[in-house]
PDB file of N, CA and C in Angstrom:
ATOM      1  N   MET A   1       6.198  -6.527 -35.048  1.00  0.00           N
ATOM      2  CA  MET A   1       7.157  -7.305 -35.401  1.00  0.00           C
ATOM      3  C   MET A   1       8.486  -6.599 -35.807  1.00  0.00           C
ATOM      4  N   LEU A   2       9.402  -7.012 -35.435  1.00  0.00           N
ATOM      5  CA  LEU A   2      10.711  -6.361 -36.057  1.00  0.00           C
ATOM      6  C   LEU A   2      11.213  -6.710 -37.173  1.00  0.00           C
ATOM      7  N   CYS A   3      11.434  -5.953 -38.022  1.00  0.00           N
ATOM      8  CA  CYS A   3      12.277  -6.084 -39.324  1.00  0.00           C
ATOM      9  C   CYS A   3      13.785  -6.367 -39.179  1.00  0.00           C
ATOM     10  N   PRO A   4      14.018  -7.701 -39.552  1.00  0.00           N
ATOM     11  CA  PRO A   4      15.325  -8.417 -39.586  1.00  0.00           C
ATOM     12  C   PRO A   4      16.402  -7.624 -40.334  1.00  0.00           C
ATOM     13  N   LYS A   5      16.009  -6.864 -41.503  1.00  0.00           N
ATOM     14  CA  LYS A   5      16.953  -5.970 -42.064  1.00  0.00           C
ATOM     15  C   LYS A   5      17.424  -4.707 -41.210  1.00  0.00           C
ATOM     16  N   ASN A   6      16.560  -4.312 -40.385  1.00  0.00           N
ATOM     17  CA  ASN A   6      16.752  -3.096 -39.646  1.00  0.00           C
ATOM     18  C   ASN A   6      17.664  -3.539 -38.259  1.00  0.00           C
ATOM     19  N   ARG A   7      17.328  -4.978 -37.756  1.00  0.00           N
ATOM     20  CA  ARG A   7      18.231  -5.703 -36.995  1.00  0.00           C
ATOM     21  C   ARG A   7      19.766  -5.733 -37.276  1.00  0.00           C
ATOM     22  N   VAL A   8      19.694  -6.271 -38.490  1.00  0.00           N
ATOM     23  CA  VAL A   8      21.099  -6.414 -39.238  1.00  0.00           C
ATOM     24  C   VAL A   8      21.724  -4.920 -39.099  1.00  0.00           C
ATOM     25  N   ARG A   9      21.109  -3.897 -39.577  1.00  0.00           N
ATOM     26  CA  ARG A   9      21.659  -2.796 -39.577  1.00  0.00           C
ATOM     27  C   ARG A   9      22.423  -2.164 -38.449  1.00  0.00           C
ATOM     28  N   TYR A  10      21.533  -2.443 -37.189  1.00  0.00           N
ATOM     29  CA  TYR A  10      21.868  -1.895 -36.047  1.00  0.00           C
ATOM     30  C   TYR A  10      23.121  -2.800 -35.659  1.00  0.00           C
ATOM     31  N   ALA A  11      23.008  -4.026 -35.850  1.00  0.00           N
ATOM     32  CA  ALA A  11      24.298  -4.802 -35.548  1.00  0.00           C
ATOM     33  C   ALA A  11      25.516  -4.513 -36.279  1.00  0.00           C
ATOM     34  N   THR A  12      25.486  -4.162 -37.467  1.00  0.00           N
ATOM     35  CA  THR A  12      26.606  -3.743 -38.332  1.00  0.00           C
ATOM     36  C   THR A  12      27.133  -2.528 -37.785  1.00  0.00           C
ATOM     37  N   LEU A  13      26.253  -1.514 -37.455  1.00  0.00           N
ATOM     38  CA  LEU A  13      26.788  -0.310 -36.885  1.00  0.00           C
ATOM     39  C   LEU A  13      27.364  -0.566 -35.386  1.00  0.00           C
ATOM     40  N   LEU A  14      26.636  -1.168 -34.660  1.00  0.00           N
ATOM     41  CA  LEU A  14      27.405  -1.395 -33.195  1.00  0.00           C
ATOM     42  C   LEU A  14      28.424  -2.264 -33.243  1.00  0.00           C
ATOM     43  N   ASP A  15      28.791  -3.213 -34.390  1.00  0.00           N
ATOM     44  CA  ASP A  15      30.084  -3.784 -34.322  1.00  0.00           C
ATOM     45  C   ASP A  15      31.376  -2.949 -34.960  1.00  0.00           C
ATOM     46  N   GLU A  16      30.960  -1.992 -35.782  1.00  0.00           N
ATOM     47  CA  GLU A  16      31.865  -1.164 -36.492  1.00  0.00           C
ATOM     48  C   GLU A  16      32.243  -0.074 -35.180  1.00  0.00           C
ATOM     49  N   ILE A  17      31.344   0.393 -34.306  1.00  0.00           N
ATOM     50  CA  ILE A  17      31.683   1.241 -33.146  1.00  0.00           C
ATOM     51  C   ILE A  17      32.557   0.309 -32.277  1.00  0.00           C
ATOM     52  N   ARG A  18      32.322  -0.766 -31.787  1.00  0.00           N
ATOM     53  CA  ARG A  18      32.815  -1.743 -30.976  1.00  0.00           C
ATOM     54  C   ARG A  18      34.298  -1.888 -31.487  1.00  0.00           C
ATOM     55  N   ARG A  19      34.491  -2.349 -32.850  1.00  0.00           N
ATOM     56  CA  ARG A  19      35.826  -2.402 -33.344  1.00  0.00           C
ATOM     57  C   ARG A  19      36.983  -1.102 -33.078  1.00  0.00           C
ATOM     58  N   ARG A  20      36.215  -0.115 -33.302  1.00  0.00           N
ATOM     59  CA  ARG A  20      37.098   1.210 -33.526  1.00  0.00           C
ATOM     60  C   ARG A  20      37.661   1.574 -32.302  1.00  0.00           C
ATOM     61  N   THR A  21      36.726   1.479 -31.228  1.00  0.00           N
ATOM     62  CA  THR A  21      37.275   2.260 -29.889  1.00  0.00           C
ATOM     63  C   THR A  21      36.407   1.775 -28.875  1.00  0.00           C
ATOM     64  N   LYS A  22      36.946   2.049 -27.543  1.00  0.00           N
ATOM     65  CA  LYS A  22      35.742   1.686 -26.469  1.00  0.00           C
ATOM     66  C   LYS A  22      35.265   2.704 -26.425  1.00  0.00           C
ATOM     67  N   SER A  23      33.763   2.261 -26.248  1.00  0.00           N
ATOM     68  CA  SER A  23      32.702   3.171 -26.310  1.00  0.00           C
ATOM     69  C   SER A  23      31.655   2.815 -25.460  1.00  0.00           C
ATOM     70  N   ILE A  24      30.739   3.780 -25.293  1.00  0.00           N
ATOM     71  CA  ILE A  24      29.643   3.713 -24.336  1.00  0.00           C
ATOM     72  C   ILE A  24      28.393   3.947 -25.241  1.00  0.00           C
ATOM     73  N   LEU A  25      27.264   3.191 -24.990  1.00  0.00           N
ATOM     74  CA  LEU A  25      26.171   3.500 -25.941  1.00  0.00           C
ATOM     75  C   LEU A  25      25.183   4.038 -25.140  1.00  0.00           C
ATOM     76  N   VAL A  26      24.549   5.059 -25.403  1.00  0.00           N
ATOM     77  CA  VAL A  26      23.299   5.817 -24.640  1.00  0.00           C
ATOM     78  C   VAL A  26      22.273   5.920 -25.544  1.00  0.00           C
ATOM     79  N   THR A  27      21.028   5.584 -25.078  1.00  0.00           N
ATOM     80  CA  THR A  27      19.795   5.745 -25.898  1.00  0.00           C
ATOM     81  C   THR A  27      18.601   6.036 -24.906  1.00  0.00           C
ATOM     82  N   PHE A  28      18.083   7.199 -25.394  1.00  0.00           N
ATOM     83  CA  PHE A  28      16.833   7.386 -24.419  1.00  0.00           C
ATOM     84  C   PHE A  28      15.635   6.901 -24.861  1.00  0.00           C
ATOM     85  N   ASN A  29      15.388   5.801 -25.486  1.00  0.00           N
ATOM     86  CA  ASN A  29      14.242   5.307 -25.897  1.00  0.00           C
ATOM     87  C   ASN A  29      14.402   3.740 -25.550  1.00  0.00           C
ATOM     88  N   TYR A  30      13.352   3.158 -25.179  1.00  0.00           N
ATOM     89  CA  TYR A  30      13.240   1.644 -25.139  1.00  0.00           C
ATOM     90  C   TYR A  30      13.631   1.092 -26.347  1.00  0.00           C
ATOM     91  N   ASP A  31      14.507   0.391 -26.885  1.00  0.00           N
ATOM     92  CA  ASP A  31      14.674   0.015 -28.039  1.00  0.00           C
ATOM     93  C   ASP A  31      14.877  -1.302 -28.209  1.00  0.00           C
ATOM     94  N   ARG A  32      14.212  -2.135 -28.698  1.00  0.00           N
ATOM     95  CA  ARG A  32      14.282  -3.623 -28.456  1.00  0.00           C
ATOM     96  C   ARG A  32      15.360  -4.026 -29.799  1.00  0.00           C
ATOM     97  N   LEU A  33      15.219  -3.188 -31.214  1.00  0.00           N
ATOM     98  CA  LEU A  33      16.264  -3.494 -32.153  1.00  0.00           C
ATOM     99  C   LEU A  33      17.541  -3.462 -31.591  1.00  0.00           C
ATOM    100  N   ILE A  34      17.920  -2.347 -30.679  1.00  0.00           N
ATOM    101  CA  ILE A  34      19.236  -2.139 -30.432  1.00  0.00           C
ATOM    102  C   ILE A  34      19.598  -3.236 -29.356  1.00  0.00           C
ATOM    103  N   GLU A  35      18.600  -3.732 -28.525  1.00  0.00           N
ATOM    104  CA  GLU A  35      18.842  -4.562 -27.605  1.00  0.00           C
ATOM    105  C   GLU A  35      19.280  -6.002 -28.422  1.00  0.00           C
ATOM    106  N   ARG A  36      18.457  -6.062 -29.300  1.00  0.00           N
ATOM    107  CA  ARG A  36      18.649  -7.534 -30.116  1.00  0.00           C
ATOM    108  C   ARG A  36      19.904  -7.533 -30.720  1.00  0.00           C
ATOM    109  N   ALA A  37      20.275  -6.400 -31.350  1.00  0.00           N
ATOM    110  CA  ALA A  37      21.419  -6.191 -32.131  1.00  0.00           C
ATOM    111  C   ALA A  37      22.776  -6.525 -31.141  1.00  0.00           C
ATOM    112  N   LEU A  38      22.740  -6.172 -29.994  1.00  0.00           N
ATOM    113  CA  LEU A  38      23.754  -6.042 -29.124  1.00  0.00           C
ATOM    114  C   LEU A  38      23.691  -7.802 -28.681  1.00  0.00           C
ATOM    115  N   GLU A  39      22.640  -8.329 -28.570  1.00  0.00           N
ATOM    116  CA  GLU A  39      22.511  -9.652 -28.250  1.00  0.00           C
ATOM    117  C   GLU A  39      23.383 -10.578 -29.140  1.00  0.00           C
ATOM    118  N   ASP A  40      22.903 -10.125 -30.512  1.00  0.00           N
ATOM    119  CA  ASP A  40      23.605 -10.915 -31.676  1.00  0.00           C
ATOM    120  C   ASP A  40      25.066 -10.985 -31.677  1.00  0.00           C
ATOM    121  N   LEU A  41      25.690  -9.753 -31.004  1.00  0.00           N
ATOM    122  CA  LEU A  41      26.943  -9.448 -31.037  1.00  0.00           C
ATOM    123  C   LEU A  41      27.444 -10.030 -29.708  1.00  0.00           C
ATOM    124  N   GLY A  42      26.766 -10.614 -28.940  1.00  0.00           N
ATOM    125  CA  GLY A  42      27.192 -11.504 -27.704  1.00  0.00           C
ATOM    126  C   GLY A  42      27.463 -10.595 -26.481  1.00  0.00           C
ATOM    127  N   ILE A  43      26.803  -9.397 -26.675  1.00  0.00           N
ATOM    128  CA  ILE A  43      26.682  -8.550 -25.563  1.00  0.00           C
ATOM    129  C   ILE A  43      25.306  -8.521 -24.997  1.00  0.00           C
ATOM    130  N   PRO A  44      25.426  -9.150 -23.462  1.00  0.00           N
ATOM    131  CA  PRO A  44      24.055  -9.335 -22.846  1.00  0.00           C
ATOM    132  C   PRO A  44      23.231  -8.123 -22.479  1.00  0.00           C
ATOM    133  N   THR A  45      21.847  -8.293 -22.556  1.00  0.00           N
ATOM    134  CA  THR A  45      21.123  -7.110 -21.988  1.00  0.00           C
ATOM    135  C   THR A  45      19.900  -7.550 -21.266  1.00  0.00           C
ATOM    136  N   GLY A  46      19.815  -8.747 -20.614  1.00  0.00           N
ATOM    137  CA  GLY A  46      18.952  -9.328 -20.181  1.00  0.00           C
ATOM    138  C   GLY A  46      18.477  -8.905 -18.740  1.00  0.00           C
ATOM    139  N   PHE A  47      19.557  -8.123 -18.103  1.00  0.00           N
ATOM    140  CA  PHE A  47      19.381  -7.765 -16.494  1.00  0.00           C
ATOM    141  C   PHE A  47      19.977  -6.499 -16.587  1.00  0.00           C
ATOM    142  N   MET A  48      19.315  -5.780 -15.396  1.00  0.00           N
ATOM    143  CA  MET A  48      19.429  -4.226 -15.336  1.00  0.00           C
ATOM    144  C   MET A  48      21.140  -4.121 -15.217  1.00  0.00           C
ATOM    145  N   SER A  49      22.038  -5.065 -14.754  1.00  0.00           N
ATOM    146  CA  SER A  49      23.227  -4.841 -14.343  1.00  0.00           C
ATOM    147  C   SER A  49      23.983  -4.791 -15.517  1.00  0.00           C
ATOM    148  N   ASN A  50      23.578  -5.268 -16.483  1.00  0.00           N
ATOM    149  CA  ASN A  50      23.954  -5.149 -18.049  1.00  0.00           C
ATOM    150  C   ASN A  50      24.178  -3.836 -18.725  1.00  0.00           C
ATOM    151  N   TYR A  51      23.425  -3.116 -18.206  1.00  0.00           N
ATOM    152  CA  TYR A  51      23.283  -1.837 -18.619  1.00  0.00           C
ATOM    153  C   TYR A  51      24.017  -0.761 -17.803  1.00  0.00           C
ATOM    154  N   ILE A  52      24.581  -0.959 -16.801  1.00  0.00           N
ATOM    155  CA  ILE A  52      25.694  -0.229 -15.909  1.00  0.00           C
ATOM    156  C   ILE A  52      26.975  -0.489 -16.164  1.00  0.00           C
TER     157      ILE A  52
END
């Protein structure tokens, strides 16, 4: 089970990055916490085309 507190921390970090600059997110692990945080911010992750 994912910890909601960690999900909020990721969402806060990703939102801060998004507001400051045009950015690209690179992760080398399959990370559902990051994906769910992106979805919380309205950034889709459901299809492979969302990653390119």
